[in-house]
Amino acid sequence: MCVTFATMSPNVALRCVDASFVIAWLIPTKGSEAVAEEWSGFALGKDEFVGPAILNAEVISALHRLTHQGLLTEVEGSQMVTDFLALDIPTLTPSDMYRRAYMLANRYYQPRVYDMCYLALADKLGCPLLTLDERFYSIVSEDFPLVTLVS
């Protein structure tokens, strides 16, 4: 679902989520209690999760990679794709998001802009960004205190 700023409900807390956070919910592992706690607000309608359009491709790609590596069966991978798509997490692409992501990648000397798309969106919206990516967190958290490492 692609939405605009005008369709976001003012009565819920907006949170940007990245692929690492979504995958940790779909495939619980050690430390998943913190992830489950964050998801409870979403399930209860208290939190609205959003992400850049790249979220869908990254989550589905990660599930496919795990299936291809034999860590998930084809049935498990396919079911997780279905479960993820059923969440219908809205995606936003503000007109300046990709340019901002490019600039952030330069600022932090990152060869790829994927992670910076999440940061650019969260920064634009002024909302927390939930991630499990420790490397990304360590690079940007000092300048962007709304980046939250869920662990």
Protein backbone atom coordinates (compact mmCIF):
# COMPACT_ATOMS: atom_id res chain seq x y z
CA MET A 1 0.00 0.00 0.00
CA CYS A 2 1.47 3.35 -0.97
CA VAL A 3 0.10 6.26 1.02
CA THR A 4 0.64 9.96 1.31
CA PHE A 5 1.19 12.06 4.40
CA ALA A 6 -2.47 13.14 4.27
CA THR A 7 -3.74 9.60 4.83
CA MET A 8 -1.78 8.95 8.02
CA SER A 9 -3.93 8.88 11.16
CA PRO A 10 -3.05 11.62 13.69
CA ASN A 11 -4.18 9.40 16.60
CA VAL A 12 -1.36 6.85 16.44
CA ALA A 13 2.38 6.96 16.93
CA LEU A 14 4.17 6.82 13.60
CA ARG A 15 7.25 4.59 13.39
CA CYS A 16 9.44 3.84 10.41
CA VAL A 17 10.59 0.21 10.23
CA ASP A 18 13.40 -1.34 8.26
CA ALA A 19 13.72 -4.81 6.77
CA SER A 20 15.82 -6.16 9.65
CA PHE A 21 13.02 -5.31 12.07
CA VAL A 22 10.33 -6.94 9.92
CA ILE A 23 12.40 -10.09 9.31
CA ALA A 24 13.01 -10.43 13.06
CA TRP A 25 9.25 -10.46 13.60
CA LEU A 26 8.62 -12.98 10.83
CA ILE A 27 11.47 -15.25 11.99
CA PRO A 28 11.78 -14.97 15.78
CA THR A 29 15.27 -15.54 17.16
CA LYS A 30 17.18 -14.84 20.35
CA GLY A 31 16.19 -11.40 21.60
CA SER A 32 12.88 -11.43 19.77
CA GLU A 33 11.01 -10.36 22.91
CA ALA A 34 11.92 -6.72 22.27
CA VAL A 35 10.76 -7.02 18.66
CA ALA A 36 7.48 -8.63 19.75
CA GLU A 37 6.94 -5.83 22.25
CA GLU A 38 7.32 -3.20 19.51
CA TRP A 39 4.93 -5.11 17.27
CA SER A 40 2.26 -5.25 19.98
CA GLY A 41 1.61 -1.51 19.56
CA PHE A 42 1.11 -2.07 15.84
CA ALA A 43 -1.23 -5.01 16.43
CA LEU A 44 -3.29 -2.97 18.90
CA GLY A 45 -3.53 -0.02 16.51
CA LYS A 46 -1.51 2.28 18.79
CA ASP A 47 1.42 2.47 16.39
CA GLU A 48 1.43 2.93 12.64
CA PHE A 49 4.41 1.39 10.87
CA VAL A 50 5.64 2.87 7.61
CA GLY A 51 8.64 2.35 5.41
CA PRO A 52 10.07 3.45 2.11
CA ALA A 53 9.00 1.46 -0.95
CA ILE A 54 12.29 -0.44 -0.77
CA LEU A 55 10.98 -2.19 2.37
CA ASN A 56 8.85 -4.62 0.37
CA ALA A 57 11.66 -5.63 -1.98
CA GLU A 58 14.20 -6.00 0.85
CA VAL A 59 11.95 -8.18 3.03
CA ILE A 60 10.90 -10.43 0.15
CA SER A 61 14.49 -10.65 -1.08
CA ALA A 62 15.71 -11.68 2.39
CA LEU A 63 13.03 -14.37 2.61
CA HIS A 64 13.94 -15.66 -0.84
CA ARG A 65 17.65 -15.71 0.07
CA LEU A 66 16.89 -17.75 3.22
CA THR A 67 14.79 -20.16 1.16
CA HIS A 68 17.49 -20.41 -1.53
CA GLN A 69 20.09 -21.17 1.18
CA GLY A 70 17.88 -23.94 2.57
CA LEU A 71 17.28 -22.17 5.89
CA LEU A 72 13.56 -22.00 5.11
CA THR A 73 11.54 -24.49 3.11
CA GLU A 74 9.78 -23.24 0.00
CA VAL A 75 6.46 -23.53 1.85
CA GLU A 76 7.79 -21.57 4.84
CA GLY A 77 9.28 -18.86 2.64
CA SER A 78 6.12 -18.53 0.59
CA GLN A 79 3.96 -18.36 3.72
CA MET A 80 6.18 -15.67 5.22
CA VAL A 81 5.89 -13.60 2.05
CA THR A 82 2.11 -13.94 2.33
CA ASP A 83 2.20 -13.01 6.03
CA PHE A 84 4.39 -9.99 5.32
CA LEU A 85 2.19 -8.72 2.50
CA ALA A 86 -0.89 -9.18 4.70
CA LEU A 87 0.59 -6.69 7.17
CA ASP A 88 0.06 -4.08 4.46
CA ILE A 89 2.69 -1.74 5.93
CA PRO A 90 2.22 1.59 4.16
CA THR A 91 5.12 2.80 2.06
CA LEU A 92 5.93 6.43 1.50
CA THR A 93 8.20 8.03 -1.03
CA PRO A 94 8.48 11.77 -0.42
CA SER A 95 9.78 13.55 -3.50
CA ASP A 96 13.15 14.32 -1.93
CA MET A 97 13.72 10.99 -0.16
CA TYR A 98 16.11 9.45 -2.70
CA ARG A 99 18.17 12.61 -3.05
CA ARG A 100 18.40 12.84 0.76
CA ALA A 101 19.36 9.15 0.97
CA TYR A 102 22.12 9.75 -1.56
CA MET A 103 23.43 12.69 0.44
CA LEU A 104 23.32 10.69 3.68
CA ALA A 105 25.22 7.82 2.05
CA ASN A 106 27.93 10.30 1.06
CA ARG A 107 27.97 11.85 4.53
CA TYR A 108 28.51 8.48 6.22
CA TYR A 109 30.78 7.02 3.49
CA GLN A 110 28.36 4.22 2.67
CA PRO A 111 28.66 2.51 -0.74
CA ARG A 112 24.91 1.77 -0.93
CA VAL A 113 21.90 3.96 -0.17
CA TYR A 114 19.40 1.28 0.91
CA ASP A 115 19.67 1.91 4.65
CA MET A 116 19.75 5.64 4.10
CA CYS A 117 16.30 5.50 2.45
CA TYR A 118 14.87 4.41 5.80
CA LEU A 119 16.78 7.15 7.60
CA ALA A 120 15.75 9.81 5.09
CA LEU A 121 12.08 8.84 5.48
CA ALA A 122 12.17 8.72 9.29
CA ASP A 123 13.99 12.04 9.40
CA LYS A 124 11.46 13.62 7.02
CA LEU A 125 8.56 12.33 9.13
CA GLY A 126 10.25 13.16 12.44
CA CYS A 127 9.51 9.68 13.74
CA PRO A 128 11.57 6.85 15.24
CA LEU A 129 13.26 4.36 12.94
CA LEU A 130 13.23 0.83 14.35
CA THR A 131 16.14 -1.37 13.31
CA LEU A 132 18.12 -4.41 14.40
CA ASP A 133 21.06 -3.42 12.21
CA GLU A 134 23.80 -2.66 14.77
CA ARG A 135 26.30 -1.49 12.14
CA PHE A 136 23.84 1.03 10.70
CA TYR A 137 22.82 2.18 14.18
CA SER A 138 26.42 2.77 15.24
CA ILE A 139 27.07 4.86 12.13
CA VAL A 140 24.10 7.24 12.39
CA SER A 141 22.66 7.21 15.93
CA GLU A 142 24.82 10.03 17.26
CA ASP A 143 23.42 12.42 14.64
CA PHE A 144 19.93 10.89 14.53
CA PRO A 145 18.72 10.07 18.06
CA LEU A 146 15.36 8.84 16.73
CA VAL A 147 17.08 5.76 15.30
CA THR A 148 16.20 3.00 17.77
CA LEU A 149 18.18 -0.22 18.01
CA VAL A 150 15.68 -2.88 19.04
CA SER A 151 17.48 -5.55 21.00
